[in-house]
Protein backbone atom coordinates (compact mmCIF):
# COMPACT_ATOMS: atom_id res chain seq x y z
CA UNK A 1 -109.08 81.65 -23.03
CA UNK A 2 -107.70 84.45 -20.92
CA UNK A 3 -106.78 87.80 -22.30
CA UNK A 4 -103.06 88.41 -22.44
CA UNK A 5 -103.32 91.83 -20.80
CA UNK A 6 -105.33 90.75 -17.74
CA UNK A 7 -103.88 90.93 -14.23
CA UNK A 8 -104.27 87.16 -13.77
CA UNK A 9 -102.29 86.46 -16.92
CA UNK A 10 -99.49 88.95 -16.30
CA UNK A 11 -98.98 88.85 -12.54
CA UNK A 12 -100.82 86.01 -10.83
CA UNK A 13 -99.74 83.09 -13.03
CA UNK A 14 -95.99 83.82 -12.77
CA UNK A 15 -96.40 84.25 -9.00
CA UNK A 16 -98.18 80.90 -8.73
CA UNK A 17 -95.42 79.24 -10.78
CA UNK A 18 -92.80 80.83 -8.55
CA UNK A 19 -94.65 79.66 -5.42
CA UNK A 20 -94.91 76.12 -6.80
CA UNK A 21 -91.20 76.09 -7.65
CA UNK A 22 -90.31 77.40 -4.18
CA UNK A 23 -92.45 74.68 -2.61
CA UNK A 24 -90.71 71.97 -4.63
CA UNK A 25 -87.34 73.52 -3.75
CA UNK A 26 -88.26 73.44 -0.05
CA UNK A 27 -89.16 69.75 -0.39
CA UNK A 28 -85.81 69.11 -2.08
CA UNK A 29 -83.85 70.91 0.63
CA UNK A 30 -85.81 69.19 3.39
CA UNK A 31 -85.17 65.80 1.79
CA UNK A 32 -81.45 66.56 1.49
CA UNK A 33 -81.13 67.53 5.17
CA UNK A 34 -83.09 64.54 6.42
CA UNK A 35 -80.60 62.13 4.91
CA UNK A 36 -83.38 59.93 3.58
CA UNK A 37 -82.64 56.92 1.37
CA UNK A 38 -82.45 56.97 -2.44
CA UNK A 39 -81.41 60.61 -2.87
CA UNK A 40 -80.63 60.38 -6.61
CA UNK A 41 -84.01 59.07 -7.84
CA UNK A 42 -85.91 61.44 -5.56
CA UNK A 43 -83.85 64.47 -6.62
CA UNK A 44 -84.26 63.56 -10.30
CA UNK A 45 -88.01 63.25 -9.77
CA UNK A 46 -88.08 66.65 -8.08
CA UNK A 47 -86.09 68.17 -10.96
CA UNK A 48 -88.50 66.62 -13.45
CA UNK A 49 -91.44 68.08 -11.51
CA UNK A 50 -89.83 71.50 -11.68
CA UNK A 51 -89.30 71.14 -15.43
CA UNK A 52 -92.92 70.10 -15.95
CA UNK A 53 -94.18 73.07 -13.93
CA UNK A 54 -92.05 75.46 -15.97
CA UNK A 55 -92.93 73.89 -19.30
CA UNK A 56 -96.65 73.43 -18.80
CA UNK A 57 -97.59 76.49 -16.78
CA UNK A 58 -94.91 79.15 -17.27
CA UNK A 59 -94.13 78.44 -20.94
CA UNK A 60 -97.79 77.52 -21.63
CA UNK A 61 -96.85 74.62 -23.88
CA UNK A 62 -100.34 73.12 -23.66
CA UNK A 63 -101.94 76.06 -25.42
CA UNK A 64 -99.16 76.61 -27.96
CA UNK A 65 -99.13 75.50 -31.57
CA UNK A 66 -97.98 71.98 -32.43
CA UNK A 67 -94.77 73.34 -33.97
CA UNK A 68 -93.74 74.96 -30.67
CA UNK A 69 -94.52 71.77 -28.78
CA UNK A 70 -92.53 69.79 -31.33
CA UNK A 71 -89.53 72.11 -30.81
CA UNK A 72 -89.78 71.71 -27.03
CA UNK A 73 -90.01 67.93 -27.39
CA UNK A 74 -87.02 67.93 -29.74
CA UNK A 75 -85.02 69.94 -27.21
CA UNK A 76 -85.94 67.44 -24.50
CA UNK A 77 -84.86 64.51 -26.69
CA UNK A 78 -81.60 66.31 -27.48
CA UNK A 79 -80.91 66.82 -23.76
CA UNK A 80 -81.54 63.14 -23.07
CA UNK A 81 -79.17 62.26 -25.89
CA UNK A 82 -76.43 64.55 -24.59
CA UNK A 83 -76.76 63.33 -21.00
CA UNK A 84 -76.66 59.72 -22.22
CA UNK A 85 -73.43 60.35 -24.10
CA UNK A 86 -71.91 62.14 -21.11
CA UNK A 87 -72.88 59.29 -18.80
CA UNK A 88 -71.47 56.70 -21.22
CA UNK A 89 -68.18 58.64 -21.37
CA UNK A 90 -68.05 58.79 -17.57
CA UNK A 91 -68.74 55.08 -17.20
CA UNK A 92 -66.16 54.03 -19.81
CA UNK A 93 -63.22 55.96 -18.37
CA UNK A 94 -60.61 53.96 -16.55
CA UNK A 95 -59.87 54.86 -12.93
CA UNK A 96 -56.67 56.81 -12.44
CA UNK A 97 -56.11 57.35 -16.15
CA UNK A 98 -54.32 54.01 -16.67
CA UNK A 99 -52.87 53.83 -20.20
CA UNK A 100 -54.75 51.52 -22.51
CA UNK A 101 -51.72 49.24 -23.06
CA UNK A 102 -51.39 48.62 -19.32
CA UNK A 103 -55.12 48.04 -18.95
CA UNK A 104 -54.91 45.37 -21.67
CA UNK A 105 -51.79 43.81 -20.13
CA UNK A 106 -49.55 44.65 -23.08
CA UNK A 107 -46.13 46.26 -22.91
CA UNK A 108 -46.23 49.99 -23.53
CA UNK A 109 -43.85 51.87 -25.83
CA UNK A 110 -40.82 53.20 -23.98
CA UNK A 111 -40.97 56.83 -23.02
CA UNK A 112 -38.26 59.24 -24.09
CA UNK A 113 -35.80 60.33 -21.42
CA UNK A 114 -36.33 63.82 -20.02
CA UNK A 115 -33.26 65.20 -21.84
CA UNK A 116 -34.50 63.95 -25.25
CA UNK A 117 -37.99 65.37 -24.79
CA UNK A 118 -36.82 68.93 -25.52
């Protein structure tokens, strides 16, 4: 195991992580400007690669205690849960904000005239 005060630990590892992230960013930008097919799956894969590089190398999750790895895994599961709920909300919304009664084909309650709304 490396000493925490060595030059490689303090300076070189963060620089290598930064270089790896810049390389993946360059691939992402190049892919976006090429107009290649399947941009969403490729961009999500690139984002996952960035997250793995940060988690494994920069945060050093491999050499951490099991409790720290459990907390990181719990955070990842929580993010998946929140994105799933957000996606479900997005999918379930009606286009144009159509009232529910009109979407079901039922008559809606009459609206108050503008003078009575005050």
